[in-house]
Protein backbone atom coordinates (compact mmCIF):
# COMPACT_ATOMS: atom_id res chain seq x y z
CA MET A 1 20.08 373.45 -16.89
CA TYR A 2 19.46 371.22 -13.88
CA ASP A 3 17.88 372.60 -10.74
CA VAL A 4 20.64 371.04 -8.66
CA ILE A 5 23.89 369.24 -9.38
CA VAL A 6 25.04 366.94 -6.59
CA VAL A 7 28.74 366.13 -6.77
CA GLY A 8 29.42 362.90 -4.93
CA GLY A 9 27.59 359.59 -4.77
CA GLY A 10 28.23 358.50 -1.20
CA PRO A 11 25.71 358.56 1.66
CA ALA A 12 25.60 362.38 1.78
CA GLY A 13 25.21 362.92 -1.95
CA LEU A 14 22.66 360.15 -2.41
CA SER A 15 20.59 361.39 0.53
CA ALA A 16 20.60 364.90 -0.92
CA ALA A 17 19.47 363.50 -4.27
CA LEU A 18 16.67 361.54 -2.62
CA ALA A 19 15.34 364.67 -0.91
CA LEU A 20 15.51 366.57 -4.19
CA GLY A 21 13.92 363.78 -6.19
CA ARG A 22 10.98 363.72 -3.82
CA THR A 23 10.36 367.40 -4.54
CA ARG A 24 10.62 366.77 -8.31
CA ARG A 25 13.72 368.88 -8.69
CA SER A 26 15.69 368.08 -11.84
CA THR A 27 18.85 366.73 -10.26
CA LEU A 28 22.11 365.32 -11.58
CA VAL A 29 24.30 363.20 -9.31
CA VAL A 30 27.91 362.98 -10.45
CA ASP A 31 29.55 359.95 -8.83
CA SER A 32 33.28 359.28 -9.25
CA GLY A 33 32.89 355.90 -7.52
CA GLU A 34 35.54 356.48 -4.84
CA PRO A 35 33.75 356.13 -1.48
CA ARG A 36 35.80 356.67 1.65
CA ASN A 37 34.48 353.53 3.33
CA ALA A 38 35.22 351.20 0.39
CA PRO A 39 37.94 349.29 2.32
CA ALA A 40 35.52 348.41 5.15
CA ALA A 41 33.82 345.03 5.05
CA HIS A 42 30.74 346.35 6.81
CA MET A 43 29.27 349.62 8.04
CA HIS A 44 27.65 349.96 11.43
CA ASN A 45 25.59 352.25 13.64
CA PHE A 46 23.13 352.94 10.81
CA ILE A 47 19.63 351.96 11.87
CA SER A 48 18.09 349.35 9.53
CA ARG A 49 21.46 348.88 7.75
CA ASP A 50 23.73 347.83 10.64
CA GLY A 51 26.33 345.39 9.31
CA THR A 52 25.60 346.07 5.65
CA PRO A 53 28.60 346.14 3.28
CA PRO A 54 29.13 349.72 2.04
CA ALA A 55 28.83 348.73 -1.63
CA GLU A 56 25.49 347.04 -0.93
CA MET A 57 24.17 350.13 0.83
CA ARG A 58 25.18 352.30 -2.13
CA ALA A 59 23.49 349.91 -4.56
CA ILE A 60 20.26 349.98 -2.54
CA ALA A 61 20.34 353.78 -2.37
CA ARG A 62 20.95 354.14 -6.11
CA GLU A 63 18.06 351.76 -6.83
CA GLU A 64 15.76 353.80 -4.58
CA ILE A 65 16.78 357.07 -6.20
CA GLY A 66 16.22 355.51 -9.61
CA ARG A 67 12.48 355.49 -8.88
CA TYR A 68 12.41 359.29 -9.19
CA ASP A 69 12.32 360.38 -12.81
CA SER A 70 13.72 363.83 -12.07
CA VAL A 71 17.05 362.44 -10.79
CA GLU A 72 19.85 361.35 -13.13
CA LEU A 73 22.85 359.36 -11.90
CA ARG A 74 26.05 359.75 -13.91
CA ASP A 75 29.27 357.85 -13.22
CA ASP A 76 31.88 360.52 -13.88
CA GLU A 77 34.29 362.86 -12.11
CA ALA A 78 33.71 366.57 -11.61
CA ILE A 79 37.04 368.28 -12.23
CA ASP A 80 36.04 371.93 -12.08
CA ALA A 81 33.12 374.18 -11.18
CA GLN A 82 32.64 377.86 -11.89
CA PRO A 83 29.78 380.31 -11.35
CA LEU A 84 27.84 381.40 -14.40
CA PRO A 85 26.98 385.04 -15.12
CA GLY A 86 23.76 385.86 -13.32
CA VAL A 87 22.81 382.59 -11.65
CA GLY A 88 23.96 379.00 -11.55
CA PHE A 89 27.16 377.03 -12.04
CA GLU A 90 28.95 375.10 -14.75
CA VAL A 91 30.59 371.83 -13.74
CA SER A 92 33.28 370.34 -15.96
CA LEU A 93 33.33 366.56 -16.12
CA ALA A 94 36.25 364.27 -16.91
CA GLY A 95 34.36 361.94 -19.22
CA SER A 96 31.59 364.02 -20.81
CA ASP A 97 30.47 367.53 -21.66
CA ALA A 98 30.16 370.20 -18.99
CA VAL A 99 26.81 370.47 -17.21
CA GLN A 100 25.01 373.41 -15.67
CA GLY A 101 22.91 373.71 -12.53
CA ARG A 102 21.16 376.45 -10.60
CA ARG A 103 22.48 375.12 -7.29
CA LEU A 104 25.37 372.88 -6.24
CA VAL A 105 25.54 370.34 -3.43
CA LEU A 106 29.12 369.25 -2.77
CA ALA A 107 29.40 365.82 -1.18
CA THR A 108 32.84 364.95 -2.47
CA GLY A 109 34.15 363.42 0.74
CA VAL A 110 37.63 363.25 2.21
CA ILE A 111 40.82 361.24 1.94
CA ASP A 112 42.37 359.73 5.05
CA GLU A 113 46.04 360.55 5.49
CA HIS A 114 48.09 358.30 7.75
CA PRO A 115 51.49 358.53 9.42
CA PRO A 116 54.30 356.71 7.59
CA ILE A 117 53.94 353.45 9.48
CA GLU A 118 54.28 350.37 7.31
CA GLY A 119 51.05 348.37 7.10
CA LEU A 120 48.77 351.05 8.54
CA SER A 121 47.22 352.17 5.25
CA GLU A 122 46.98 348.59 4.04
CA HIS A 123 44.88 347.58 7.04
CA TRP A 124 42.71 350.75 7.08
CA GLY A 125 39.10 349.71 7.53
CA ARG A 126 40.14 346.11 8.12
CA GLY A 127 41.99 346.05 11.43
CA VAL A 128 42.89 349.74 11.66
CA TYR A 129 39.98 352.05 12.42
CA HIS A 130 39.12 355.61 13.43
CA CYS A 131 35.68 355.39 15.02
CA PRO A 132 34.72 353.29 18.06
CA TYR A 133 31.03 353.71 17.28
CA CYS A 134 31.49 352.35 13.76
CA HIS A 135 33.87 349.48 14.54
CA GLY A 136 34.30 349.13 18.30
CA TYR A 137 31.67 346.50 19.05
CA GLU A 138 33.10 344.12 16.46
CA VAL A 139 36.40 343.96 18.36
CA SER A 140 34.83 343.41 21.76
CA ASP A 141 36.97 341.24 24.04
CA MET A 142 39.90 341.38 21.61
CA PRO A 143 43.31 342.91 22.39
CA VAL A 144 43.20 346.45 20.94
CA ALA A 145 45.46 349.49 20.80
CA VAL A 146 45.14 353.23 20.26
CA LEU A 147 47.84 355.08 18.36
CA GLY A 148 48.41 358.66 19.54
CA THR A 149 48.88 360.90 22.56
CA SER A 150 46.31 363.66 22.02
CA PRO A 151 43.35 364.17 24.37
CA ALA A 152 41.24 362.46 21.69
CA ALA A 153 43.55 359.43 21.79
CA VAL A 154 43.36 359.24 25.58
CA ASN A 155 39.57 359.56 25.47
CA LEU A 156 39.41 356.83 22.83
CA ALA A 157 41.59 354.46 24.85
CA VAL A 158 39.42 354.91 27.93
CA HIS A 159 36.30 354.46 25.79
CA LEU A 160 37.57 351.13 24.48
CA THR A 161 37.96 349.72 28.00
CA ARG A 162 34.18 349.31 27.95
CA LEU A 163 34.67 346.77 25.16
CA SER A 164 37.98 345.10 25.99
CA ASP A 165 40.02 344.46 29.12
CA ASP A 166 43.25 344.56 27.07
CA VAL A 167 43.75 348.10 25.76
CA ALA A 168 47.15 349.67 25.06
CA LEU A 169 47.98 353.27 24.22
CA LEU A 170 50.89 353.49 21.77
CA THR A 171 52.67 356.84 22.03
CA ASN A 172 54.97 355.97 19.10
CA GLY A 173 58.05 357.39 20.79
CA ALA A 174 56.43 360.60 21.96
CA ASP A 175 57.50 362.27 25.18
CA GLU A 176 56.24 360.95 28.47
CA LEU A 177 52.58 361.70 29.15
CA GLU A 178 51.62 364.18 31.82
CA GLU A 179 51.25 362.58 35.23
CA ALA A 180 47.51 363.31 35.42
CA THR A 181 46.93 361.76 31.98
CA ALA A 182 48.96 358.68 32.85
CA MET A 183 46.96 358.33 36.06
CA VAL A 184 43.65 358.45 34.17
CA LEU A 185 44.86 355.75 31.80
CA GLY A 186 46.20 353.64 34.63
CA ASN A 187 42.94 353.89 36.56
CA ALA A 188 41.11 352.73 33.44
CA GLY A 189 43.46 349.78 33.02
CA VAL A 190 45.12 351.06 29.84
CA ARG A 191 48.72 349.98 29.30
CA ILE A 192 51.07 352.68 27.95
CA ILE A 193 53.81 351.70 25.49
CA HIS A 194 56.29 354.41 24.50
CA ALA A 195 58.45 352.54 21.97
CA PRO A 196 58.25 353.86 18.39
CA VAL A 197 56.08 351.77 16.05
CA THR A 198 57.80 350.49 12.92
CA ARG A 199 55.04 348.45 11.24
CA LEU A 200 51.72 346.65 11.55
CA GLU A 201 51.64 343.04 10.45
CA GLY A 202 48.83 340.71 9.50
CA HIS A 203 47.87 337.75 7.38
CA ASP A 204 45.08 337.37 4.80
CA GLY A 205 43.80 340.86 5.60
CA GLN A 206 43.63 340.23 9.37
CA LEU A 207 45.75 342.42 11.61
CA GLU A 208 47.86 340.35 13.97
CA GLN A 209 50.55 342.42 15.67
CA VAL A 210 52.29 345.75 16.12
CA VAL A 211 56.07 345.67 15.73
CA PHE A 212 58.28 348.28 17.44
CA THR A 213 61.69 349.61 16.44
CA ASN A 214 63.31 347.79 19.35
CA GLY A 215 62.16 344.47 17.88
CA ASP A 216 59.36 343.85 20.37
CA ALA A 217 55.95 342.82 19.04
CA LEU A 218 52.51 343.32 20.55
CA ALA A 219 49.69 341.01 19.50
CA ARG A 220 46.72 343.19 18.50
CA GLN A 221 43.67 342.41 16.39
CA ALA A 222 42.61 346.05 16.13
CA VAL A 223 44.36 349.42 16.22
CA PHE A 224 42.46 352.70 16.41
CA SER A 225 44.44 355.54 14.88
CA ALA A 226 44.08 358.93 16.53
CA VAL A 227 46.91 360.35 14.40
CA SER A 228 45.33 359.94 10.96
CA THR A 229 43.89 363.10 9.44
CA MET A 230 41.39 363.99 6.74
CA ARG A 231 41.81 366.24 3.71
CA GLN A 232 39.46 367.22 0.93
CA ARG A 233 39.16 364.63 -1.82
CA SER A 234 38.15 367.24 -4.38
CA THR A 235 39.53 370.66 -5.28
CA LEU A 236 36.05 371.99 -6.07
CA PRO A 237 35.53 373.77 -2.72
CA LEU A 238 38.73 375.74 -3.21
CA ARG A 239 38.00 376.43 -6.88
CA LEU A 240 34.63 377.85 -5.91
CA GLY A 241 36.09 379.90 -3.07
CA CYS A 242 34.30 378.17 -0.18
CA ALA A 243 35.43 379.25 3.27
CA MET A 244 37.51 376.52 4.94
CA LEU A 245 38.06 375.69 8.60
CA PRO A 246 41.50 374.98 10.12
CA ASP A 247 41.00 371.20 9.89
CA ASP A 248 40.42 371.48 6.10
CA ALA A 249 36.66 371.09 6.41
CA VAL A 250 34.33 373.25 4.34
CA GLU A 251 32.51 375.65 6.64
CA ILE A 252 28.72 375.30 6.55
CA ASP A 253 25.77 376.50 8.58
CA GLU A 254 22.94 374.42 10.06
CA LEU A 255 21.39 374.05 6.60
CA GLY A 256 24.54 373.00 4.79
CA ARG A 257 25.09 376.38 3.12
CA THR A 258 28.68 377.34 2.37
CA SER A 259 30.09 380.85 2.13
CA VAL A 260 29.41 380.80 -1.63
CA ASN A 261 25.85 381.72 -2.52
CA GLY A 262 24.07 378.74 -4.08
CA VAL A 263 26.65 376.16 -2.98
CA PHE A 264 25.83 373.63 -0.26
CA ALA A 265 28.05 370.94 1.25
CA ALA A 266 27.41 367.76 3.19
CA GLY A 267 29.11 364.71 4.62
CA ASP A 268 32.57 364.23 6.13
CA MET A 269 33.99 367.09 4.04
CA ALA A 270 32.01 369.80 5.81
CA ARG A 271 31.09 370.96 9.29
CA ARG A 272 29.88 373.96 11.24
CA SER A 273 32.47 376.22 12.83
CA THR A 274 31.33 375.17 16.29
CA GLY A 275 31.93 371.56 17.24
CA GLY A 276 33.86 368.85 15.44
CA ARG A 277 33.23 366.27 12.77
CA MET A 278 31.67 362.91 13.58
CA ALA A 279 32.66 360.91 10.55
CA ALA A 280 29.98 358.25 10.28
CA VAL A 281 27.73 357.04 7.48
CA ILE A 282 24.52 357.92 9.29
CA THR A 283 25.61 361.49 10.08
CA ALA A 284 26.79 361.98 6.49
CA ALA A 285 23.44 360.78 5.20
CA ALA A 286 21.56 363.06 7.57
CA SER A 287 23.58 366.10 6.51
CA GLY A 288 22.87 365.26 2.86
CA THR A 289 19.14 365.25 3.50
CA VAL A 290 19.41 368.68 5.16
CA ALA A 291 21.53 370.13 2.32
CA GLY A 292 19.20 368.75 -0.36
CA ALA A 293 16.11 370.17 1.33
CA ALA A 294 17.86 373.52 1.88
CA ALA A 295 18.82 373.72 -1.80
CA ASP A 296 15.17 373.13 -2.73
CA LYS A 297 13.96 375.83 -0.34
CA ASP A 298 16.59 378.21 -1.69
CA LEU A 299 15.23 377.66 -5.19
CA LEU A 300 11.66 378.15 -3.98
CA ALA A 301 12.59 381.49 -2.45
CA GLU A 302 14.11 382.58 -5.75
CA GLU A 303 11.21 381.35 -7.87
CA PHE A 304 8.38 382.82 -5.84
CA GLY A 305 9.96 385.78 -4.11
CA LEU A 306 9.73 384.15 -0.70
CA PRO A 307 11.82 385.40 2.23
CA PRO A 308 15.24 383.71 2.38
CA MET A 309 15.90 381.04 4.98
CA ALA A 310 16.19 382.73 8.36
CA ILE A 311 19.41 381.13 9.63
CA PRO A 312 22.42 383.28 8.67
CA ALA A 313 24.83 381.51 6.33
CA PRO A 314 28.62 381.69 6.80
CA ALA A 315 30.14 385.00 5.79
CA ARG A 316 30.02 385.34 2.02
CA THR A 317 33.22 385.36 0.05
CA ALA A 318 33.91 388.15 -2.38
C-alpha cells in the first residue's frame, strides 16, 4: 500500500508528488495524460517558466520527480476510488490492477465547456482565451474582444484596455446593458456590439475574425470568453462523496482537505468556499504543494499520535 496516491499529472498533481517525494513518502502518481492547457502554445505568469510550452514544463517536472526513489509515475487512468475498511483507499485503473493508498490527492482537473459557437472550441488556447494574466500580454496592441455580459465580462473588457486600444464587448444578442454598465465601458473606450455571434474564423490556427448572424464581420486576433464554464474532468470526487460547491468545484479548506477524511484536492478542480477560482498554472502548482504537504502531515499525526492539523476541514460527509 502506498502512503499517498496522487491522481492527476498536471501542475497540481506533480507539485504534490514533489512535496511527498521530498519527505520520502511512497507515492504513486496516476497520469491520464489529458492536461487542460494542452491546446496552448505557451504558458505564462509562472516565474522561471514564463513562455514555456506546457508539454515541456510537464516533462521537466516529471524528470525532477524521477530523482526521488519513493515516487512512481504511472501513465494510466483512474476510473474509480473507494474507501477501504479501516483506513485507506483502493483506486481502480483502466489499464492495470487496482492500487491502494493510505491517502488520496485528487488533481484531476477540469474540462472547459463552451457555448455552441462555431470555431470557439477549435481556437481555445490559440486565439480564444479565458485569463488575461495568462494570455493578455501576448495580444498587446491587437484588436481583441470579450464575449459575455456578466460583471466578470465587463471587468475583463475594462482590464484589456490596458493592453489594447481596440477592445469590443460582444453581448451575443443579449438584452441591452444597464445604463451604468454601458457608461463604464464607454468611459474605458470599449465598443459594445449586440449582434449574435455565429462563428469565429481563422487560418492556420490563427484567429482572424468574428462573424455575426447579420453577416457583419469583426476583425479580431483574440477573443476572451467570459461565458465558458468548467466542469470536473473526473467522476472520482462524486464517487468518493466529496462536498461540491455550486460552480462544480470540490470544496477544500486552506490545506486542500476535502469533506472526505483522507482525501485532498488541488488545482483548478477545487477551491475554498470563500472566494473564486483563479485558473492558472502557478496557482494550481502552489495548491498541489500545499495538498501534498498536508497529506504528509496527516499521515504523521496518525503514525505518531500527534494532534491533528488545527484548521477545521470542510464538514465531513456521512
